[in-house]
Amino acid sequence: PDTPLDRVTDYLADIDLLLVMSVFPGFGGQSFMPEV
């Protein structure tokens, strides 16, 4: 959630999937972060 998209823009042509986390990873059941 706190990583800007520009960290991955140079690789977008090389990937099949971009996963944007809407919680900080580690545990299930967290609240959705609309800012992402």
All heavy atoms as atom14 arrays in JSON, in Angstrom:
{
  "sequence": "PDTPLDRVTDYLADIDLLLVMSVFPGFGGQSFMPEV",
  "atom14_mask": [
    [1, 1, 1, 1, 1, 1, 1, 0, 0, 0, 0, 0, 0, 0],
    [1, 1, 1, 1, 1, 1, 1, 1, 0, 0, 0, 0, 0, 0],
    [1, 1, 1, 1, 1, 1, 1, 0, 0, 0, 0, 0, 0, 0],
    [1, 1, 1, 1, 1, 1, 1, 0, 0, 0, 0, 0, 0, 0],
    [1, 1, 1, 1, 1, 1, 1, 1, 0, 0, 0, 0, 0, 0],
    [1, 1, 1, 1, 1, 1, 1, 1, 0, 0, 0, 0, 0, 0],
    [1, 1, 1, 1, 1, 1, 1, 1, 1, 1, 1, 0, 0, 0],
    [1, 1, 1, 1, 1, 1, 1, 0, 0, 0, 0, 0, 0, 0],
    [1, 1, 1, 1, 1, 1, 1, 0, 0, 0, 0, 0, 0, 0],
    [1, 1, 1, 1, 1, 1, 1, 1, 0, 0, 0, 0, 0, 0],
    [1, 1, 1, 1, 1, 1, 1, 1, 1, 1, 1, 1, 0, 0],
    [1, 1, 1, 1, 1, 1, 1, 1, 0, 0, 0, 0, 0, 0],
    [1, 1, 1, 1, 1, 0, 0, 0, 0, 0, 0, 0, 0, 0],
    [1, 1, 1, 1, 1, 1, 1, 1, 0, 0, 0, 0, 0, 0],
    [1, 1, 1, 1, 1, 1, 1, 1, 0, 0, 0, 0, 0, 0],
    [1, 1, 1, 1, 1, 1, 1, 1, 0, 0, 0, 0, 0, 0],
    [1, 1, 1, 1, 1, 1, 1, 1, 0, 0, 0, 0, 0, 0],
    [1, 1, 1, 1, 1, 1, 1, 1, 0, 0, 0, 0, 0, 0],
    [1, 1, 1, 1, 1, 1, 1, 1, 0, 0, 0, 0, 0, 0],
    [1, 1, 1, 1, 1, 1, 1, 0, 0, 0, 0, 0, 0, 0],
    [1, 1, 1, 1, 1, 1, 1, 1, 0, 0, 0, 0, 0, 0],
    [1, 1, 1, 1, 1, 1, 0, 0, 0, 0, 0, 0, 0, 0],
    [1, 1, 1, 1, 1, 1, 1, 0, 0, 0, 0, 0, 0, 0],
    [1, 1, 1, 1, 1, 1, 1, 1, 1, 1, 1, 0, 0, 0],
    [1, 1, 1, 1, 1, 1, 1, 0, 0, 0, 0, 0, 0, 0],
    [1, 1, 1, 1, 0, 0, 0, 0, 0, 0, 0, 0, 0, 0],
    [1, 1, 1, 1, 1, 1, 1, 1, 1, 1, 1, 0, 0, 0],
    [1, 1, 1, 1, 0, 0, 0, 0, 0, 0, 0, 0, 0, 0],
    [1, 1, 1, 1, 0, 0, 0, 0, 0, 0, 0, 0, 0, 0],
    [1, 1, 1, 1, 1, 1, 1, 1, 1, 0, 0, 0, 0, 0],
    [1, 1, 1, 1, 1, 1, 0, 0, 0, 0, 0, 0, 0, 0],
    [1, 1, 1, 1, 1, 1, 1, 1, 1, 1, 1, 0, 0, 0],
    [1, 1, 1, 1, 1, 1, 1, 1, 0, 0, 0, 0, 0, 0],
    [1, 1, 1, 1, 1, 1, 1, 0, 0, 0, 0, 0, 0, 0],
    [1, 1, 1, 1, 1, 1, 1, 1, 1, 0, 0, 0, 0, 0],
    [1, 1, 1, 1, 1, 1, 1, 0, 0, 0, 0, 0, 0, 0]
  ],
  "atom14_positions": [
    [[0.8, -1.24, 0.0], [0.0, 0.0, 0.0], [0.82, 1.28, 0.0], [0.38, 2.29, -0.55], [-0.83, -0.13, 1.29], [-0.97, -1.59, 1.5], [0.34, -2.18, 1.05], [0.0, 0.0, 0.0], [0.0, 0.0, 0.0], [0.0, 0.0, 0.0], [0.0, 0.0, 0.0], [0.0, 0.0, 0.0], [0.0, 0.0, 0.0], [0.0, 0.0, 0.0]],
    [[2.01, 1.25, 0.61], [2.82, 2.47, 0.68], [3.89, 2.55, -0.4], [4.75, 3.44, -0.37], [3.46, 2.6, 2.06], [4.34, 1.4, 2.42], [4.3, 0.39, 1.69], [5.04, 1.47, 3.46], [0.0, 0.0, 0.0], [0.0, 0.0, 0.0], [0.0, 0.0, 0.0], [0.0, 0.0, 0.0], [0.0, 0.0, 0.0], [0.0, 0.0, 0.0]],
    [[3.83, 1.64, -1.37], [4.79, 1.65, -2.48], [4.17, 2.35, -3.68], [3.1, 1.96, -4.14], [5.19, 0.22, -2.88], [5.79, -0.43, -1.75], [6.18, 0.22, -4.04], [0.0, 0.0, 0.0], [0.0, 0.0, 0.0], [0.0, 0.0, 0.0], [0.0, 0.0, 0.0], [0.0, 0.0, 0.0], [0.0, 0.0, 0.0], [0.0, 0.0, 0.0]],
    [[4.83, 3.38, -4.21], [4.26, 4.09, -5.37], [4.28, 3.24, -6.63], [5.15, 2.38, -6.81], [5.17, 5.32, -5.5], [6.45, 4.92, -4.86], [6.1, 3.98, -3.75], [0.0, 0.0, 0.0], [0.0, 0.0, 0.0], [0.0, 0.0, 0.0], [0.0, 0.0, 0.0], [0.0, 0.0, 0.0], [0.0, 0.0, 0.0], [0.0, 0.0, 0.0]],
    [[3.34, 3.52, -7.5], [3.23, 2.75, -8.74], [4.48, 2.9, -9.6], [4.84, 1.96, -10.34], [1.99, 3.2, -9.52], [1.69, 2.43, -10.81], [1.36, 0.97, -10.52], [0.55, 3.1, -11.58], [0.0, 0.0, 0.0], [0.0, 0.0, 0.0], [0.0, 0.0, 0.0], [0.0, 0.0, 0.0], [0.0, 0.0, 0.0], [0.0, 0.0, 0.0]],
    [[5.15, 4.04, -9.52], [6.3, 4.24, -10.4], [7.45, 3.27, -10.11], [8.38, 3.17, -10.9], [6.79, 5.7, -10.39], [7.23, 6.18, -9.02], [7.48, 5.36, -8.12], [7.33, 7.42, -8.84], [0.0, 0.0, 0.0], [0.0, 0.0, 0.0], [0.0, 0.0, 0.0], [0.0, 0.0, 0.0], [0.0, 0.0, 0.0], [0.0, 0.0, 0.0]],
    [[7.38, 2.55, -9.0], [8.39, 1.53, -8.74], [8.3, 0.37, -9.74], [9.28, -0.36, -9.93], [8.23, 0.97, -7.32], [8.73, 1.85, -6.19], [10.25, 1.83, -6.05], [10.79, 0.5, -5.85], [10.87, -0.13, -4.67], [10.41, 0.46, -3.57], [11.4, -1.33, -4.59], [0.0, 0.0, 0.0], [0.0, 0.0, 0.0], [0.0, 0.0, 0.0]],
    [[7.13, 0.2, -10.36], [6.95, -0.95, -11.25], [6.68, -0.57, -12.7], [6.58, -1.45, -13.56], [5.81, -1.87, -10.76], [6.14, -2.46, -9.4], [4.47, -1.13, -10.72], [0.0, 0.0, 0.0], [0.0, 0.0, 0.0], [0.0, 0.0, 0.0], [0.0, 0.0, 0.0], [0.0, 0.0, 0.0], [0.0, 0.0, 0.0], [0.0, 0.0, 0.0]],
    [[6.57, 0.71, -12.99], [6.16, 1.1, -14.35], [7.14, 0.63, -15.42], [6.73, 0.33, -16.54], [5.98, 2.63, -14.46], [7.13, 3.29, -13.92], [4.74, 3.07, -13.69], [0.0, 0.0, 0.0], [0.0, 0.0, 0.0], [0.0, 0.0, 0.0], [0.0, 0.0, 0.0], [0.0, 0.0, 0.0], [0.0, 0.0, 0.0], [0.0, 0.0, 0.0]],
    [[8.42, 0.52, -15.11], [9.39, 0.06, -16.09], [9.24, -1.41, -16.43], [9.84, -1.88, -17.41], [10.82, 0.31, -15.59], [11.21, 1.77, -15.6], [10.5, 2.57, -16.26], [12.21, 2.13, -14.96], [0.0, 0.0, 0.0], [0.0, 0.0, 0.0], [0.0, 0.0, 0.0], [0.0, 0.0, 0.0], [0.0, 0.0, 0.0], [0.0, 0.0, 0.0]],
    [[8.45, -2.13, -15.64], [8.32, -3.58, -15.84], [6.95, -4.0, -16.36], [6.72, -5.18, -16.61], [8.58, -4.32, -14.52], [9.86, -3.94, -13.84], [9.86, -3.11, -12.72], [11.1, -4.4, -14.3], [11.04, -2.76, -12.08], [12.29, -4.05, -13.67], [12.24, -3.22, -12.56], [13.41, -2.87, -11.94], [0.0, 0.0, 0.0], [0.0, 0.0, 0.0]],
    [[6.04, -3.05, -16.53], [4.67, -3.41, -16.86], [4.54, -4.12, -18.21], [3.63, -4.93, -18.39], [3.78, -2.15, -16.84], [3.6, -1.51, -15.47], [2.72, -0.26, -15.58], [3.0, -2.49, -14.47], [0.0, 0.0, 0.0], [0.0, 0.0, 0.0], [0.0, 0.0, 0.0], [0.0, 0.0, 0.0], [0.0, 0.0, 0.0], [0.0, 0.0, 0.0]],
    [[5.44, -3.83, -19.12], [5.4, -4.51, -20.42], [5.88, -5.95, -20.34], [5.67, -6.74, -21.27], [6.24, -3.75, -21.45], [0.0, 0.0, 0.0], [0.0, 0.0, 0.0], [0.0, 0.0, 0.0], [0.0, 0.0, 0.0], [0.0, 0.0, 0.0], [0.0, 0.0, 0.0], [0.0, 0.0, 0.0], [0.0, 0.0, 0.0], [0.0, 0.0, 0.0]],
    [[6.51, -6.31, -19.21], [7.11, -7.64, -19.07], [6.29, -8.59, -18.21], [6.67, -9.76, -18.06], [8.5, -7.51, -18.45], [9.43, -6.63, -19.26], [9.43, -6.77, -20.5], [10.15, -5.81, -18.66], [0.0, 0.0, 0.0], [0.0, 0.0, 0.0], [0.0, 0.0, 0.0], [0.0, 0.0, 0.0], [0.0, 0.0, 0.0], [0.0, 0.0, 0.0]],
    [[5.19, -8.12, -17.64], [4.45, -8.96, -16.69], [3.07, -9.34, -17.21], [2.52, -8.7, -18.11], [4.32, -8.26, -15.32], [3.5, -6.97, -15.44], [5.69, -8.0, -14.71], [3.23, -6.28, -14.1], [0.0, 0.0, 0.0], [0.0, 0.0, 0.0], [0.0, 0.0, 0.0], [0.0, 0.0, 0.0], [0.0, 0.0, 0.0], [0.0, 0.0, 0.0]],
    [[2.54, -10.4, -16.63], [1.19, -10.84, -16.94], [0.19, -10.31, -15.93], [-1.02, -10.27, -16.21], [1.12, -12.37, -16.93], [2.07, -12.99, -17.94], [1.85, -12.8, -19.16], [3.05, -13.65, -17.52], [0.0, 0.0, 0.0], [0.0, 0.0, 0.0], [0.0, 0.0, 0.0], [0.0, 0.0, 0.0], [0.0, 0.0, 0.0], [0.0, 0.0, 0.0]],
    [[0.69, -9.91, -14.76], [-0.2, -9.56, -13.66], [0.44, -8.52, -12.75], [1.62, -8.65, -12.4], [-0.5, -10.83, -12.85], [-1.42, -10.71, -11.62], [-2.83, -10.32, -12.04], [-1.45, -12.03, -10.87], [0.0, 0.0, 0.0], [0.0, 0.0, 0.0], [0.0, 0.0, 0.0], [0.0, 0.0, 0.0], [0.0, 0.0, 0.0], [0.0, 0.0, 0.0]],
    [[-0.33, -7.5, -12.39], [0.09, -6.53, -11.38], [-0.87, -6.66, -10.2], [-2.08, -6.48, -10.36], [0.04, -5.1, -11.92], [0.31, -4.01, -10.86], [1.76, -4.07, -10.37], [0.0, -2.63, -11.42], [0.0, 0.0, 0.0], [0.0, 0.0, 0.0], [0.0, 0.0, 0.0], [0.0, 0.0, 0.0], [0.0, 0.0, 0.0], [0.0, 0.0, 0.0]],
    [[-0.32, -6.97, -9.03], [-1.13, -7.12, -7.83], [-0.91, -5.9, -6.93], [0.21, -5.64, -6.48], [-0.74, -8.4, -7.09], [-1.31, -8.62, -5.69], [-2.82, -8.46, -5.67], [-0.9, -9.99, -5.15], [0.0, 0.0, 0.0], [0.0, 0.0, 0.0], [0.0, 0.0, 0.0], [0.0, 0.0, 0.0], [0.0, 0.0, 0.0], [0.0, 0.0, 0.0]],
    [[-1.99, -5.18, -6.69], [-1.97, -4.01, -5.81], [-2.54, -4.43, -4.46], [-3.71, -4.83, -4.37], [-2.8, -2.85, -6.41], [-2.82, -1.66, -5.46], [-2.23, -2.44, -7.77], [0.0, 0.0, 0.0], [0.0, 0.0, 0.0], [0.0, 0.0, 0.0], [0.0, 0.0, 0.0], [0.0, 0.0, 0.0], [0.0, 0.0, 0.0], [0.0, 0.0, 0.0]],
    [[-1.72, -4.34, -3.42], [-2.19, -4.7, -2.09], [-3.03, -3.57, -1.49], [-2.61, -2.41, -1.5], [-1.01, -5.01, -1.17], [-0.22, -6.25, -1.55], [-1.21, -7.77, -1.55], [-1.78, -7.83, 0.16], [0.0, 0.0, 0.0], [0.0, 0.0, 0.0], [0.0, 0.0, 0.0], [0.0, 0.0, 0.0], [0.0, 0.0, 0.0], [0.0, 0.0, 0.0]],
    [[-4.21, -3.94, -0.99], [-5.07, -2.95, -0.35], [-5.11, -3.14, 1.17], [-5.97, -2.59, 1.85], [-6.49, -3.01, -0.94], [-6.93, -4.34, -1.09], [0.0, 0.0, 0.0], [0.0, 0.0, 0.0], [0.0, 0.0, 0.0], [0.0, 0.0, 0.0], [0.0, 0.0, 0.0], [0.0, 0.0, 0.0], [0.0, 0.0, 0.0], [0.0, 0.0, 0.0]],
    [[-4.16, -3.94, 1.67], [-3.82, -4.02, 3.09], [-2.32, -4.3, 3.14], [-1.72, -4.68, 2.13], [-4.56, -5.16, 3.84], [-6.06, -4.95, 3.81], [-4.19, -6.52, 3.28], [0.0, 0.0, 0.0], [0.0, 0.0, 0.0], [0.0, 0.0, 0.0], [0.0, 0.0, 0.0], [0.0, 0.0, 0.0], [0.0, 0.0, 0.0], [0.0, 0.0, 0.0]],
    [[-1.71, -4.13, 4.29], [-0.33, -4.55, 4.43], [-0.3, -6.06, 4.61], [-1.01, -6.6, 5.47], [0.35, -3.84, 5.61], [0.71, -2.42, 5.3], [-0.12, -1.37, 5.69], [1.85, -2.12, 4.57], [0.2, -0.05, 5.38], [2.17, -0.82, 4.25], [1.35, 0.22, 4.65], [0.0, 0.0, 0.0], [0.0, 0.0, 0.0], [0.0, 0.0, 0.0]],
    [[0.47, -6.77, 3.81], [0.4, -8.23, 3.8], [0.89, -8.85, 5.1], [1.74, -8.3, 5.79], [1.3, -8.61, 2.62], [2.26, -7.48, 2.47], [1.46, -6.25, 2.84], [0.0, 0.0, 0.0], [0.0, 0.0, 0.0], [0.0, 0.0, 0.0], [0.0, 0.0, 0.0], [0.0, 0.0, 0.0], [0.0, 0.0, 0.0], [0.0, 0.0, 0.0]],
    [[0.34, -10.01, 5.39], [0.76, -10.75, 6.56], [-0.38, -11.48, 7.24], [-0.21, -12.61, 7.7], [0.0, 0.0, 0.0], [0.0, 0.0, 0.0], [0.0, 0.0, 0.0], [0.0, 0.0, 0.0], [0.0, 0.0, 0.0], [0.0, 0.0, 0.0], [0.0, 0.0, 0.0], [0.0, 0.0, 0.0], [0.0, 0.0, 0.0], [0.0, 0.0, 0.0]],
    [[-1.55, -10.86, 7.29], [-2.69, -11.47, 7.97], [-3.98, -11.19, 7.21], [-4.13, -10.12, 6.63], [-2.82, -10.94, 9.4], [-1.66, -11.31, 10.28], [-0.57, -10.46, 10.41], [-1.66, -12.51, 10.98], [0.51, -10.8, 11.21], [-0.57, -12.86, 11.78], [0.51, -12.01, 11.9], [0.0, 0.0, 0.0], [0.0, 0.0, 0.0], [0.0, 0.0, 0.0]],
    [[-4.89, -12.16, 7.24], [-6.2, -11.97, 6.62], [-7.12, -11.19, 7.53], [-6.84, -10.96, 8.71], [0.0, 0.0, 0.0], [0.0, 0.0, 0.0], [0.0, 0.0, 0.0], [0.0, 0.0, 0.0], [0.0, 0.0, 0.0], [0.0, 0.0, 0.0], [0.0, 0.0, 0.0], [0.0, 0.0, 0.0], [0.0, 0.0, 0.0], [0.0, 0.0, 0.0]],
    [[-8.26, -10.78, 6.98], [-9.29, -10.12, 7.77], [-9.05, -8.65, 8.05], [-9.73, -8.06, 8.88], [0.0, 0.0, 0.0], [0.0, 0.0, 0.0], [0.0, 0.0, 0.0], [0.0, 0.0, 0.0], [0.0, 0.0, 0.0], [0.0, 0.0, 0.0], [0.0, 0.0, 0.0], [0.0, 0.0, 0.0], [0.0, 0.0, 0.0], [0.0, 0.0, 0.0]],
    [[-8.09, -8.02, 7.36], [-7.82, -6.6, 7.58], [-8.8, -5.73, 6.79], [-9.47, -6.18, 5.87], [-6.39, -6.27, 7.14], [-5.3, -7.0, 7.9], [-3.92, -6.54, 7.46], [-3.54, -5.38, 7.61], [-3.15, -7.45, 6.89], [0.0, 0.0, 0.0], [0.0, 0.0, 0.0], [0.0, 0.0, 0.0], [0.0, 0.0, 0.0], [0.0, 0.0, 0.0]],
    [[-8.85, -4.46, 7.18], [-9.76, -3.52, 6.53], [-9.17, -2.97, 5.23], [-7.98, -2.67, 5.15], [-10.07, -2.35, 7.47], [-10.74, -2.81, 8.62], [0.0, 0.0, 0.0], [0.0, 0.0, 0.0], [0.0, 0.0, 0.0], [0.0, 0.0, 0.0], [0.0, 0.0, 0.0], [0.0, 0.0, 0.0], [0.0, 0.0, 0.0], [0.0, 0.0, 0.0]],
    [[-10.02, -2.85, 4.25], [-9.66, -2.34, 2.93], [-9.15, -0.89, 3.03], [-9.71, -0.07, 3.74], [-10.91, -2.4, 2.05], [-10.73, -1.89, 0.66], [-10.09, -2.64, -0.3], [-11.25, -0.66, 0.29], [-9.95, -2.17, -1.6], [-11.13, -0.18, -1.0], [-10.47, -0.95, -1.94], [0.0, 0.0, 0.0], [0.0, 0.0, 0.0], [0.0, 0.0, 0.0]],
    [[-8.08, -0.59, 2.28], [-7.48, 0.74, 2.26], [-7.83, 1.4, 0.93], [-7.18, 1.16, -0.09], [-5.96, 0.64, 2.44], [-5.55, -0.02, 3.74], [-3.75, -0.33, 3.85], [-3.13, 1.36, 3.92], [0.0, 0.0, 0.0], [0.0, 0.0, 0.0], [0.0, 0.0, 0.0], [0.0, 0.0, 0.0], [0.0, 0.0, 0.0], [0.0, 0.0, 0.0]],
    [[-8.86, 2.25, 0.9], [-9.32, 2.84, -0.37], [-8.29, 3.75, -1.03], [-8.38, 4.01, -2.23], [-10.57, 3.62, 0.03], [-10.41, 3.9, 1.48], [-9.68, 2.71, 2.04], [0.0, 0.0, 0.0], [0.0, 0.0, 0.0], [0.0, 0.0, 0.0], [0.0, 0.0, 0.0], [0.0, 0.0, 0.0], [0.0, 0.0, 0.0], [0.0, 0.0, 0.0]],
    [[-7.3, 4.22, -0.27], [-6.31, 5.13, -0.85], [-5.44, 4.47, -1.93], [-4.78, 5.17, -2.69], [-5.41, 5.71, 0.25], [-4.69, 4.7, 1.12], [-5.43, 4.36, 2.39], [-6.68, 4.33, 2.37], [-4.76, 4.09, 3.41], [0.0, 0.0, 0.0], [0.0, 0.0, 0.0], [0.0, 0.0, 0.0], [0.0, 0.0, 0.0], [0.0, 0.0, 0.0]],
    [[-5.47, 3.15, -2.02], [-4.66, 2.48, -3.06], [-5.37, 2.46, -4.41], [-4.76, 2.1, -5.43], [-4.3, 1.04, -2.66], [-3.66, 1.01, -1.28], [-5.5, 0.1, -2.71], [0.0, 0.0, 0.0], [0.0, 0.0, 0.0], [0.0, 0.0, 0.0], [0.0, 0.0, 0.0], [0.0, 0.0, 0.0], [0.0, 0.0, 0.0], [0.0, 0.0, 0.0]]
  ]
}
